[in-house]
């Protein structure tokens, strides 16, 4: 089961956008790293409502998009530091 099957095509562009915003927040040290996923979720809700409108589907899409961005970042980070 692939999470990207559940994300609408219109909202898919927000995954890399959120990843970039997360990197900017982390680099700028605006607040502790533990709050970055929560801030990305809030930004995802705003951006998804702009792209898809304010609907229940947009709310669900914002959660999926934020989840995909955070999961993608963590997967890359963990796979890069694997000890063989």
PDB file of N, CA and C in Angstrom:
ATOM      1  N   UNK A   1       0.848  -1.167   0.000  1.00  0.00           N
ATOM      2  CA  UNK A   1       0.000   0.000   0.000  1.00  0.00           C
ATOM      3  C   UNK A   1       0.900   1.238   0.000  1.00  0.00           C
ATOM      4  N   UNK A   2       0.692   2.084  -0.952  1.00  0.00           N
ATOM      5  CA  UNK A   2       1.520   3.274  -1.134  1.00  0.00           C
ATOM      6  C   UNK A   2       0.704   4.508  -0.788  1.00  0.00           C
ATOM      7  N   UNK A   3       1.244   5.331   0.106  1.00  0.00           N
ATOM      8  CA  UNK A   3       0.525   6.536   0.551  1.00  0.00           C
ATOM      9  C   UNK A   3       0.255   7.478  -0.613  1.00  0.00           C
ATOM     10  N   UNK A   4       1.122   7.461  -1.622  1.00  0.00           N
ATOM     11  CA  UNK A   4       0.943   8.370  -2.753  1.00  0.00           C
ATOM     12  C   UNK A   4      -0.282   8.016  -3.589  1.00  0.00           C
ATOM     13  N   UNK A   5      -0.801   6.802  -3.438  1.00  0.00           N
ATOM     14  CA  UNK A   5      -2.046   6.442  -4.127  1.00  0.00           C
ATOM     15  C   UNK A   5      -3.248   7.180  -3.547  1.00  0.00           C
ATOM     16  N   UNK A   6      -3.132   7.644  -2.313  1.00  0.00           N
ATOM     17  CA  UNK A   6      -4.240   8.305  -1.639  1.00  0.00           C
ATOM     18  C   UNK A   6      -4.207   9.820  -1.776  1.00  0.00           C
ATOM     19  N   UNK A   7      -3.078  10.367  -2.204  1.00  0.00           N
ATOM     20  CA  UNK A   7      -2.941  11.812  -2.325  1.00  0.00           C
ATOM     21  C   UNK A   7      -3.399  12.252  -3.713  1.00  0.00           C
ATOM     22  N   UNK A   8      -4.269  13.259  -3.750  1.00  0.00           N
ATOM     23  CA  UNK A   8      -4.743  13.796  -5.029  1.00  0.00           C
ATOM     24  C   UNK A   8      -3.586  14.409  -5.809  1.00  0.00           C
ATOM     25  N   UNK A   9      -3.676  14.352  -7.126  1.00  0.00           N
ATOM     26  CA  UNK A   9      -2.608  14.897  -7.969  1.00  0.00           C
ATOM     27  C   UNK A   9      -2.372  16.379  -7.707  1.00  0.00           C
ATOM     28  N   UNK A  10      -3.447  17.123  -7.472  1.00  0.00           N
ATOM     29  CA  UNK A  10      -3.310  18.561  -7.227  1.00  0.00           C
ATOM     30  C   UNK A  10      -2.541  18.854  -5.944  1.00  0.00           C
ATOM     31  N   UNK A  11      -2.635  17.956  -4.957  1.00  0.00           N
ATOM     32  CA  UNK A  11      -1.968  18.167  -3.673  1.00  0.00           C
ATOM     33  C   UNK A  11      -0.564  17.579  -3.641  1.00  0.00           C
ATOM     34  N   UNK A  12      -0.217  16.775  -4.622  1.00  0.00           N
ATOM     35  CA  UNK A  12       1.077  16.086  -4.635  1.00  0.00           C
ATOM     36  C   UNK A  12       2.255  17.056  -4.669  1.00  0.00           C
ATOM     37  N   UNK A  13       2.086  18.198  -5.284  1.00  0.00           N
ATOM     38  CA  UNK A  13       3.162  19.185  -5.373  1.00  0.00           C
ATOM     39  C   UNK A  13       3.543  19.716  -3.989  1.00  0.00           C
ATOM     40  N   UNK A  14       2.641  19.603  -3.029  1.00  0.00           N
ATOM     41  CA  UNK A  14       2.907  20.137  -1.697  1.00  0.00           C
ATOM     42  C   UNK A  14       3.910  19.302  -0.906  1.00  0.00           C
ATOM     43  N   UNK A  15       4.121  18.045  -1.283  1.00  0.00           N
ATOM     44  CA  UNK A  15       5.085  17.203  -0.565  1.00  0.00           C
ATOM     45  C   UNK A  15       6.490  17.797  -0.647  1.00  0.00           C
ATOM     46  N   UNK A  16       7.034  18.056  -1.841  1.00  0.00           N
ATOM     47  CA  UNK A  16       8.375  18.664  -1.868  1.00  0.00           C
ATOM     48  C   UNK A  16       8.394  20.091  -1.309  1.00  0.00           C
ATOM     49  N   UNK A  17       7.285  20.811  -1.458  1.00  0.00           N
ATOM     50  CA  UNK A  17       7.214  22.167  -0.902  1.00  0.00           C
ATOM     51  C   UNK A  17       7.380  22.106   0.614  1.00  0.00           C
ATOM     52  N   UNK A  18       6.678  21.184   1.250  1.00  0.00           N
ATOM     53  CA  UNK A  18       6.786  21.040   2.705  1.00  0.00           C
ATOM     54  C   UNK A  18       8.166  20.560   3.122  1.00  0.00           C
ATOM     55  N   UNK A  19       8.769  19.701   2.329  1.00  0.00           N
ATOM     56  CA  UNK A  19      10.121  19.238   2.652  1.00  0.00           C
ATOM     57  C   UNK A  19      11.104  20.408   2.619  1.00  0.00           C
ATOM     58  N   UNK A  20      10.952  21.263   1.648  1.00  0.00           N
ATOM     59  CA  UNK A  20      11.829  22.447   1.540  1.00  0.00           C
ATOM     60  C   UNK A  20      11.563  23.402   2.699  1.00  0.00           C
ATOM     61  N   UNK A  21      10.298  23.634   3.024  1.00  0.00           N
ATOM     62  CA  UNK A  21       9.972  24.511   4.148  1.00  0.00           C
ATOM     63  C   UNK A  21      10.518  23.947   5.463  1.00  0.00           C
ATOM     64  N   UNK A  22      10.451  22.627   5.631  1.00  0.00           N
ATOM     65  CA  UNK A  22      11.009  21.997   6.827  1.00  0.00           C
ATOM     66  C   UNK A  22      12.505  22.206   6.929  1.00  0.00           C
ATOM     67  N   UNK A  23      13.184  22.096   5.791  1.00  0.00           N
ATOM     68  CA  UNK A  23      14.638  22.324   5.772  1.00  0.00           C
ATOM     69  C   UNK A  23      14.958  23.776   6.109  1.00  0.00           C
ATOM     70  N   UNK A  24      14.176  24.696   5.591  1.00  0.00           N
ATOM     71  CA  UNK A  24      14.384  26.121   5.889  1.00  0.00           C
ATOM     72  C   UNK A  24      14.178  26.389   7.377  1.00  0.00           C
ATOM     73  N   UNK A  25      13.126  25.814   7.943  1.00  0.00           N
ATOM     74  CA  UNK A  25      12.857  26.012   9.370  1.00  0.00           C
ATOM     75  C   UNK A  25      13.993  25.445  10.216  1.00  0.00           C
ATOM     76  N   UNK A  26      14.464  24.250   9.846  1.00  0.00           N
ATOM     77  CA  UNK A  26      15.540  23.623  10.613  1.00  0.00           C
ATOM     78  C   UNK A  26      16.833  24.417  10.501  1.00  0.00           C
ATOM     79  N   UNK A  27      17.160  24.891   9.310  1.00  0.00           N
ATOM     80  CA  UNK A  27      18.389  25.655   9.095  1.00  0.00           C
ATOM     81  C   UNK A  27      18.333  26.998   9.809  1.00  0.00           C
ATOM     82  N   UNK A  28      17.180  27.646   9.774  1.00  0.00           N
ATOM     83  CA  UNK A  28      17.023  28.955  10.409  1.00  0.00           C
ATOM     84  C   UNK A  28      16.907  28.847  11.927  1.00  0.00           C
ATOM     85  N   UNK A  29      16.661  27.636  12.424  1.00  0.00           N
ATOM     86  CA  UNK A  29      16.506  27.406  13.867  1.00  0.00           C
ATOM     87  C   UNK A  29      15.451  28.344  14.467  1.00  0.00           C
ATOM     88  N   UNK A  30      14.310  28.402  13.808  1.00  0.00           N
ATOM     89  CA  UNK A  30      13.215  29.249  14.272  1.00  0.00           C
ATOM     90  C   UNK A  30      12.629  28.751  15.590  1.00  0.00           C
ATOM     91  N   UNK A  31      12.604  27.427  15.756  1.00  0.00           N
ATOM     92  CA  UNK A  31      12.136  26.807  16.992  1.00  0.00           C
ATOM     93  C   UNK A  31      12.705  25.397  17.042  1.00  0.00           C
ATOM     94  N   UNK A  32      12.572  24.703  18.178  1.00  0.00           N
ATOM     95  CA  UNK A  32      13.173  23.365  18.304  1.00  0.00           C
ATOM     96  C   UNK A  32      12.703  22.390  17.226  1.00  0.00           C
ATOM     97  N   UNK A  33      13.578  21.477  16.872  1.00  0.00           N
ATOM     98  CA  UNK A  33      13.294  20.513  15.801  1.00  0.00           C
ATOM     99  C   UNK A  33      12.076  19.650  16.082  1.00  0.00           C
ATOM    100  N   UNK A  34      11.769  19.425  17.336  1.00  0.00           N
ATOM    101  CA  UNK A  34      10.629  18.556  17.639  1.00  0.00           C
ATOM    102  C   UNK A  34       9.298  19.168  17.224  1.00  0.00           C
ATOM    103  N   UNK A  35       9.265  20.474  16.982  1.00  0.00           N
ATOM    104  CA  UNK A  35       8.029  21.136  16.556  1.00  0.00           C
ATOM    105  C   UNK A  35       7.909  21.263  15.037  1.00  0.00           C
ATOM    106  N   UNK A  36       8.917  20.853  14.307  1.00  0.00           N
ATOM    107  CA  UNK A  36       8.882  20.979  12.845  1.00  0.00           C
ATOM    108  C   UNK A  36       7.740  20.164  12.235  1.00  0.00           C
ATOM    109  N   UNK A  37       7.529  18.880  12.612  1.00  0.00           N
ATOM    110  CA  UNK A  37       6.389  18.156  12.023  1.00  0.00           C
ATOM    111  C   UNK A  37       5.046  18.827  12.273  1.00  0.00           C
ATOM    112  N   UNK A  38       4.854  19.354  13.468  1.00  0.00           N
ATOM    113  CA  UNK A  38       3.602  20.044  13.770  1.00  0.00           C
ATOM    114  C   UNK A  38       3.446  21.307  12.929  1.00  0.00           C
ATOM    115  N   UNK A  39       4.531  22.058  12.777  1.00  0.00           N
ATOM    116  CA  UNK A  39       4.455  23.267  11.955  1.00  0.00           C
ATOM    117  C   UNK A  39       4.197  22.918  10.492  1.00  0.00           C
ATOM    118  N   UNK A  40       4.786  21.810  10.023  1.00  0.00           N
ATOM    119  CA  UNK A  40       4.535  21.380   8.644  1.00  0.00           C
ATOM    120  C   UNK A  40       3.083  20.957   8.462  1.00  0.00           C
ATOM    121  N   UNK A  41       2.501  20.345   9.470  1.00  0.00           N
ATOM    122  CA  UNK A  41       1.089  19.981   9.393  1.00  0.00           C
ATOM    123  C   UNK A  41       0.216  21.226   9.288  1.00  0.00           C
ATOM    124  N   UNK A  42       0.513  22.231  10.101  1.00  0.00           N
ATOM    125  CA  UNK A  42      -0.262  23.474  10.044  1.00  0.00           C
ATOM    126  C   UNK A  42      -0.086  24.180   8.699  1.00  0.00           C
ATOM    127  N   UNK A  43       1.152  24.226   8.206  1.00  0.00           N
ATOM    128  CA  UNK A  43       1.384  24.838   6.883  1.00  0.00           C
ATOM    129  C   UNK A  43       0.699  24.028   5.794  1.00  0.00           C
ATOM    130  N   UNK A  44       0.690  22.712   5.945  1.00  0.00           N
ATOM    131  CA  UNK A  44       0.018  21.857   4.978  1.00  0.00           C
ATOM    132  C   UNK A  44      -1.475  22.140   4.945  1.00  0.00           C
ATOM    133  N   UNK A  45      -2.063  22.368   6.107  1.00  0.00           N
ATOM    134  CA  UNK A  45      -3.499  22.676   6.151  1.00  0.00           C
ATOM    135  C   UNK A  45      -3.803  23.978   5.416  1.00  0.00           C
ATOM    136  N   UNK A  46      -2.948  24.957   5.607  1.00  0.00           N
ATOM    137  CA  UNK A  46      -3.154  26.244   4.934  1.00  0.00           C
ATOM    138  C   UNK A  46      -2.952  26.090   3.423  1.00  0.00           C
ATOM    139  N   UNK A  47      -1.839  25.477   3.026  1.00  0.00           N
ATOM    140  CA  UNK A  47      -1.525  25.356   1.600  1.00  0.00           C
ATOM    141  C   UNK A  47      -2.528  24.461   0.871  1.00  0.00           C
ATOM    142  N   UNK A  48      -2.948  23.385   1.511  1.00  0.00           N
ATOM    143  CA  UNK A  48      -3.913  22.488   0.884  1.00  0.00           C
ATOM    144  C   UNK A  48      -5.263  23.165   0.724  1.00  0.00           C
ATOM    145  N   UNK A  49      -5.649  23.975   1.695  1.00  0.00           N
ATOM    146  CA  UNK A  49      -6.930  24.687   1.547  1.00  0.00           C
ATOM    147  C   UNK A  49      -6.852  25.730   0.437  1.00  0.00           C
ATOM    148  N   UNK A  50      -5.670  26.279   0.200  1.00  0.00           N
ATOM    149  CA  UNK A  50      -5.499  27.213  -0.918  1.00  0.00           C
ATOM    150  C   UNK A  50      -5.611  26.470  -2.247  1.00  0.00           C
ATOM    151  N   UNK A  51      -4.969  25.305  -2.330  1.00  0.00           N
ATOM    152  CA  UNK A  51      -4.943  24.543  -3.582  1.00  0.00           C
ATOM    153  C   UNK A  51      -6.283  23.863  -3.853  1.00  0.00           C
ATOM    154  N   UNK A  52      -6.870  23.245  -2.827  1.00  0.00           N
ATOM    155  CA  UNK A  52      -8.069  22.428  -3.032  1.00  0.00           C
ATOM    156  C   UNK A  52      -9.361  23.068  -2.530  1.00  0.00           C
ATOM    157  N   UNK A  53      -9.235  24.165  -1.806  1.00  0.00           N
ATOM    158  CA  UNK A  53     -10.410  24.777  -1.203  1.00  0.00           C
ATOM    159  C   UNK A  53     -10.591  24.271   0.215  1.00  0.00           C
ATOM    160  N   UNK A  54     -11.514  24.879   0.927  1.00  0.00           N
ATOM    161  CA  UNK A  54     -11.748  24.507   2.321  1.00  0.00           C
ATOM    162  C   UNK A  54     -12.851  23.450   2.351  1.00  0.00           C
ATOM    163  N   UNK A  55     -12.429  22.188   2.348  1.00  0.00           N
ATOM    164  CA  UNK A  55     -13.356  21.064   2.407  1.00  0.00           C
ATOM    165  C   UNK A  55     -12.788  20.004   3.341  1.00  0.00           C
ATOM    166  N   UNK A  56     -13.608  19.032   3.658  1.00  0.00           N
ATOM    167  CA  UNK A  56     -13.145  17.918   4.489  1.00  0.00           C
ATOM    168  C   UNK A  56     -12.067  17.128   3.750  1.00  0.00           C
ATOM    169  N   UNK A  57     -12.242  16.942   2.435  1.00  0.00           N
ATOM    170  CA  UNK A  57     -11.238  16.230   1.639  1.00  0.00           C
ATOM    171  C   UNK A  57      -9.895  16.954   1.665  1.00  0.00           C
ATOM    172  N   UNK A  58      -9.928  18.266   1.621  1.00  0.00           N
ATOM    173  CA  UNK A  58      -8.687  19.043   1.693  1.00  0.00           C
ATOM    174  C   UNK A  58      -8.021  18.859   3.043  1.00  0.00           C
ATOM    175  N   UNK A  59      -8.804  18.765   4.105  1.00  0.00           N
ATOM    176  CA  UNK A  59      -8.263  18.529   5.437  1.00  0.00           C
ATOM    177  C   UNK A  59      -7.551  17.176   5.497  1.00  0.00           C
ATOM    178  N   UNK A  60      -8.183  16.145   4.969  1.00  0.00           N
ATOM    179  CA  UNK A  60      -7.571  14.809   4.930  1.00  0.00           C
ATOM    180  C   UNK A  60      -6.319  14.834   4.067  1.00  0.00           C
ATOM    181  N   UNK A  61      -6.387  15.510   2.929  1.00  0.00           N
ATOM    182  CA  UNK A  61      -5.223  15.607   2.051  1.00  0.00           C
ATOM    183  C   UNK A  61      -4.060  16.322   2.746  1.00  0.00           C
ATOM    184  N   UNK A  62      -4.359  17.328   3.553  1.00  0.00           N
ATOM    185  CA  UNK A  62      -3.289  18.049   4.248  1.00  0.00           C
ATOM    186  C   UNK A  62      -2.567  17.133   5.227  1.00  0.00           C
ATOM    187  N   UNK A  63      -3.288  16.256   5.889  1.00  0.00           N
ATOM    188  CA  UNK A  63      -2.667  15.300   6.806  1.00  0.00           C
ATOM    189  C   UNK A  63      -1.803  14.317   6.028  1.00  0.00           C
ATOM    190  N   UNK A  64      -2.314  13.813   4.910  1.00  0.00           N
ATOM    191  CA  UNK A  64      -1.553  12.870   4.088  1.00  0.00           C
ATOM    192  C   UNK A  64      -0.306  13.514   3.495  1.00  0.00           C
ATOM    193  N   UNK A  65      -0.429  14.741   3.035  1.00  0.00           N
ATOM    194  CA  UNK A  65       0.713  15.443   2.432  1.00  0.00           C
ATOM    195  C   UNK A  65       1.796  15.691   3.478  1.00  0.00           C
ATOM    196  N   UNK A  66       1.402  16.162   4.651  1.00  0.00           N
ATOM    197  CA  UNK A  66       2.378  16.396   5.723  1.00  0.00           C
ATOM    198  C   UNK A  66       3.024  15.085   6.140  1.00  0.00           C
ATOM    199  N   UNK A  67       2.231  14.031   6.239  1.00  0.00           N
ATOM    200  CA  UNK A  67       2.770  12.714   6.587  1.00  0.00           C
ATOM    201  C   UNK A  67       3.764  12.218   5.563  1.00  0.00           C
ATOM    202  N   UNK A  68       3.461  12.398   4.292  1.00  0.00           N
ATOM    203  CA  UNK A  68       4.378  11.966   3.236  1.00  0.00           C
ATOM    204  C   UNK A  68       5.675  12.762   3.274  1.00  0.00           C
ATOM    205  N   UNK A  69       5.584  14.054   3.546  1.00  0.00           N
ATOM    206  CA  UNK A  69       6.793  14.891   3.609  1.00  0.00           C
ATOM    207  C   UNK A  69       7.680  14.496   4.783  1.00  0.00           C
ATOM    208  N   UNK A  70       7.085  14.321   5.953  1.00  0.00           N
ATOM    209  CA  UNK A  70       7.868  13.956   7.140  1.00  0.00           C
ATOM    210  C   UNK A  70       8.410  12.528   6.993  1.00  0.00           C
ATOM    211  N   UNK A  71       7.569  11.614   6.521  1.00  0.00           N
ATOM    212  CA  UNK A  71       8.007  10.234   6.320  1.00  0.00           C
ATOM    213  C   UNK A  71       9.131  10.163   5.289  1.00  0.00           C
ATOM    214  N   UNK A  72       8.987  10.890   4.196  1.00  0.00           N
ATOM    215  CA  UNK A  72      10.027  10.901   3.167  1.00  0.00           C
ATOM    216  C   UNK A  72      11.347  11.425   3.699  1.00  0.00           C
ATOM    217  N   UNK A  73      11.288  12.479   4.492  1.00  0.00           N
ATOM    218  CA  UNK A  73      12.510  13.032   5.081  1.00  0.00           C
ATOM    219  C   UNK A  73      13.145  12.035   6.038  1.00  0.00           C
ATOM    220  N   UNK A  74      12.343  11.433   6.902  1.00  0.00           N
ATOM    221  CA  UNK A  74      12.875  10.480   7.874  1.00  0.00           C
ATOM    222  C   UNK A  74      13.424   9.229   7.195  1.00  0.00           C
ATOM    223  N   UNK A  75      12.757   8.772   6.152  1.00  0.00           N
ATOM    224  CA  UNK A  75      13.242   7.611   5.409  1.00  0.00           C
ATOM    225  C   UNK A  75      14.598   7.900   4.785  1.00  0.00           C
ATOM    226  N   UNK A  76      14.728   9.050   4.158  1.00  0.00           N
ATOM    227  CA  UNK A  76      16.011   9.447   3.562  1.00  0.00           C
ATOM    228  C   UNK A  76      17.084   9.567   4.633  1.00  0.00           C
ATOM    229  N   UNK A  77      16.742  10.200   5.739  1.00  0.00           N
ATOM    230  CA  UNK A  77      17.699  10.415   6.834  1.00  0.00           C
ATOM    231  C   UNK A  77      18.155   9.080   7.429  1.00  0.00           C
ATOM    232  N   UNK A  78      17.223   8.173   7.665  1.00  0.00           N
ATOM    233  CA  UNK A  78      17.556   6.886   8.265  1.00  0.00           C
ATOM    234  C   UNK A  78      18.326   5.983   7.308  1.00  0.00           C
ATOM    235  N   UNK A  79      17.993   6.009   6.039  1.00  0.00           N
ATOM    236  CA  UNK A  79      18.678   5.158   5.068  1.00  0.00           C
ATOM    237  C   UNK A  79      20.103   5.665   4.816  1.00  0.00           C
ATOM    238  N   UNK A  80      20.307   6.943   4.973  1.00  0.00           N
ATOM    239  CA  UNK A  80      21.628   7.520   4.771  1.00  0.00           C
ATOM    240  C   UNK A  80      22.573   7.138   5.904  1.00  0.00           C
ATOM    241  N   UNK A  81      22.042   6.898   7.091  1.00  0.00           N
ATOM    242  CA  UNK A  81      22.888   6.621   8.251  1.00  0.00           C
ATOM    243  C   UNK A  81      22.915   5.137   8.623  1.00  0.00           C
ATOM    244  N   UNK A  82      22.548   4.258   7.702  1.00  0.00           N
ATOM    245  CA  UNK A  82      22.520   2.824   7.979  1.00  0.00           C
ATOM    246  C   UNK A  82      23.942   2.292   8.072  1.00  0.00           C
ATOM    247  N   UNK A  83      24.206   1.567   9.153  1.00  0.00           N
ATOM    248  CA  UNK A  83      25.505   0.908   9.313  1.00  0.00           C
ATOM    249  C   UNK A  83      25.415  -0.493   8.759  1.00  0.00           C
ATOM    250  N   UNK A  84      26.385  -0.873   7.958  1.00  0.00           N
ATOM    251  CA  UNK A  84      26.378  -2.212   7.364  1.00  0.00           C
ATOM    252  C   UNK A  84      27.296  -3.115   8.134  1.00  0.00           C
TER     253      UNK A  84
END
